[in-house]
Amino acid sequence: MDKLKVAFVCVHNSCRSQIAEALGNRLAGDGFEFHSAGTEPAVRINQDAVRLMKELYGIDMEKTQHSKSLADIPPVDIVVTMGCSVQCPFLPCRHREDWGLDDPTGKSDEAFKKIIRTIEQNVLQLRRQGAASCVKREVR
């Protein structure tokens, strides 16, 4: 069975979408392939996100990930925007959703951790929905 390909998208691909990609790869299992991208990618991943992901999960995003543009990712089945009012060019997919997450950049560690926990719960929910239920819903 082919893996379900998921793209997490935000403006800079430096924080929320990177966290979602890392947690997806850690938590969702072999049935998924995760990517992240931005409409205006940053030069590097947010350093607070890097530090807290290392602290909380032992994931070093600087070693495993980098900021990417939409053109850098393969075709996907699911597009998840982070809630940053990103104006995404059309990305063909079978399902699209927005997680409505505030950008924690420049905020306290607690604000970051709250967003990280929310992303973790959303990734686990995506896993629970499973490939069959996600791809059955067509984008309108």
Protein backbone atom coordinates (compact mmCIF):
# COMPACT_ATOMS: atom_id res chain seq x y z
CA MET A 1 0.00 0.00 0.00
CA ASP A 2 1.27 3.48 -0.87
CA LYS A 3 1.96 5.86 1.96
CA LEU A 4 -0.39 8.77 2.48
CA LYS A 5 1.60 11.92 1.68
CA VAL A 6 0.94 14.95 3.87
CA ALA A 7 2.25 18.51 3.45
CA PHE A 8 2.25 21.00 6.32
CA VAL A 9 2.32 24.53 4.93
CA CYS A 10 2.87 27.97 6.43
CA VAL A 11 4.47 31.20 5.27
CA HIS A 12 8.11 30.77 6.34
CA ASN A 13 8.37 27.01 6.95
CA SER A 14 10.44 27.80 10.00
CA CYS A 15 8.31 26.90 13.01
CA ARG A 16 4.81 25.34 13.10
CA SER A 17 5.05 23.43 9.82
CA GLN A 18 8.53 22.18 10.75
CA ILE A 19 7.29 21.01 14.15
CA ALA A 20 4.36 19.23 12.46
CA GLU A 21 6.68 17.48 10.00
CA ALA A 22 8.99 16.33 12.81
CA LEU A 23 6.13 15.10 15.00
CA GLY A 24 4.43 13.44 12.06
CA ASN A 25 7.58 11.50 11.30
CA ARG A 26 7.97 10.54 14.98
CA LEU A 27 4.36 9.72 15.88
CA ALA A 28 2.24 8.76 12.90
CA GLY A 29 3.78 5.50 11.77
CA ASP A 30 4.77 3.91 8.49
CA GLY A 31 1.55 4.60 6.61
CA PHE A 32 2.42 8.27 6.17
CA GLU A 33 5.08 10.41 4.49
CA PHE A 34 5.37 13.95 5.85
CA HIS A 35 6.68 17.11 4.23
CA SER A 36 6.61 20.78 5.10
CA ALA A 37 6.99 23.90 3.00
CA GLY A 38 6.48 27.64 2.99
CA THR A 39 5.26 30.22 0.54
CA GLU A 40 8.24 32.43 1.53
CA PRO A 41 10.73 30.02 3.17
CA ALA A 42 13.04 31.33 5.87
CA VAL A 43 16.79 30.86 5.75
CA ARG A 44 16.74 28.64 8.85
CA ILE A 45 14.39 26.93 11.24
CA ASN A 46 13.24 28.94 14.28
CA GLN A 47 15.85 28.36 16.99
CA ASP A 48 13.32 28.25 19.84
CA ALA A 49 11.43 25.52 17.97
CA VAL A 50 14.70 23.62 17.45
CA ARG A 51 15.65 23.92 21.13
CA LEU A 52 12.24 22.90 22.48
CA MET A 53 11.80 19.96 20.09
CA LYS A 54 15.21 18.68 21.26
CA GLU A 55 14.23 19.19 24.88
CA LEU A 56 10.74 17.64 24.64
CA TYR A 57 11.23 14.85 22.07
CA GLY A 58 14.97 14.48 21.45
CA ILE A 59 14.39 15.54 17.82
CA ASP A 60 17.13 17.69 16.28
CA MET A 61 15.26 19.43 13.48
CA GLU A 62 18.43 21.18 12.30
CA LYS A 63 19.95 17.80 11.43
CA THR A 64 16.88 16.26 9.81
CA GLN A 65 14.99 19.17 8.22
CA HIS A 66 15.41 22.50 6.41
CA SER A 67 13.10 25.25 5.15
CA LYS A 68 11.58 24.42 1.76
CA SER A 69 9.38 26.08 -0.82
CA LEU A 70 6.21 24.54 -2.18
CA ALA A 71 8.12 23.60 -5.34
CA ASP A 72 10.49 21.45 -3.24
CA ILE A 73 7.88 18.93 -2.10
CA PRO A 74 6.37 16.04 -4.06
CA PRO A 75 2.68 15.72 -4.92
CA VAL A 76 0.65 15.06 -1.77
CA ASP A 77 -2.71 13.62 -0.71
CA ILE A 78 -3.36 15.98 2.21
CA VAL A 79 -2.47 19.66 2.67
CA VAL A 80 -2.58 21.09 6.19
CA THR A 81 -2.13 24.83 6.59
CA MET A 82 -1.09 26.08 10.00
CA GLY A 83 -3.54 28.95 10.30
CA CYS A 84 -1.29 31.82 9.35
CA SER A 85 -3.62 33.24 6.72
CA VAL A 86 -1.19 31.90 4.15
CA GLN A 87 -2.33 32.46 0.61
CA CYS A 88 -1.37 29.09 -0.82
CA PRO A 89 -1.09 28.67 -4.50
CA PHE A 90 -3.27 25.76 -5.51
CA LEU A 91 -1.71 22.49 -4.37
CA PRO A 92 -3.55 19.51 -5.82
CA CYS A 93 -4.66 17.16 -3.04
CA ARG A 94 -7.55 14.98 -1.93
CA HIS A 95 -8.09 16.66 1.42
CA ARG A 96 -7.25 20.11 2.78
CA GLU A 97 -7.59 21.45 6.31
CA ASP A 98 -6.41 24.39 8.39
CA TRP A 99 -5.27 23.92 11.98
CA GLY A 100 -5.70 27.60 12.98
CA LEU A 101 -2.50 27.78 15.05
CA ASP A 102 -1.07 31.06 16.36
CA ASP A 103 2.58 31.72 15.53
CA PRO A 104 4.62 31.34 18.75
CA THR A 105 7.67 33.15 17.31
CA GLY A 106 8.98 35.68 19.82
CA LYS A 107 6.72 34.37 22.59
CA SER A 108 7.49 32.50 25.82
CA ASP A 109 8.55 28.87 26.04
CA GLU A 110 5.12 28.11 27.50
CA ALA A 111 3.42 29.58 24.42
CA PHE A 112 5.69 27.45 22.23
CA LYS A 113 4.99 24.32 24.26
CA LYS A 114 1.24 24.92 24.02
CA ILE A 115 1.49 25.08 20.21
CA ILE A 116 3.75 21.99 20.15
CA ARG A 117 1.24 20.03 22.26
CA THR A 118 -1.61 21.13 19.99
CA ILE A 119 0.35 20.05 16.92
CA GLU A 120 1.08 16.69 18.58
CA GLN A 121 -2.64 16.13 19.25
CA ASN A 122 -3.53 17.13 15.69
CA VAL A 123 -0.94 14.75 14.23
CA LEU A 124 -2.27 11.92 16.39
CA GLN A 125 -5.82 12.76 15.25
CA LEU A 126 -4.65 12.69 11.63
CA ARG A 127 -3.17 9.25 12.29
CA ARG A 128 -6.41 8.05 13.90
CA GLN A 129 -8.46 9.22 10.93
CA GLY A 130 -6.35 6.92 8.84
CA ALA A 131 -5.71 6.85 5.14
CA ALA A 132 -9.17 5.63 4.15
CA SER A 133 -11.19 8.33 5.86
CA CYS A 134 -8.87 11.18 4.84
CA VAL A 135 -8.74 10.44 1.15
CA LYS A 136 -12.47 9.75 0.82
CA ARG A 137 -13.24 13.41 1.46
CA GLU A 138 -12.73 15.42 -1.70
CA VAL A 139 -11.68 19.05 -1.66
CA ARG A 140 -14.49 21.33 -2.83
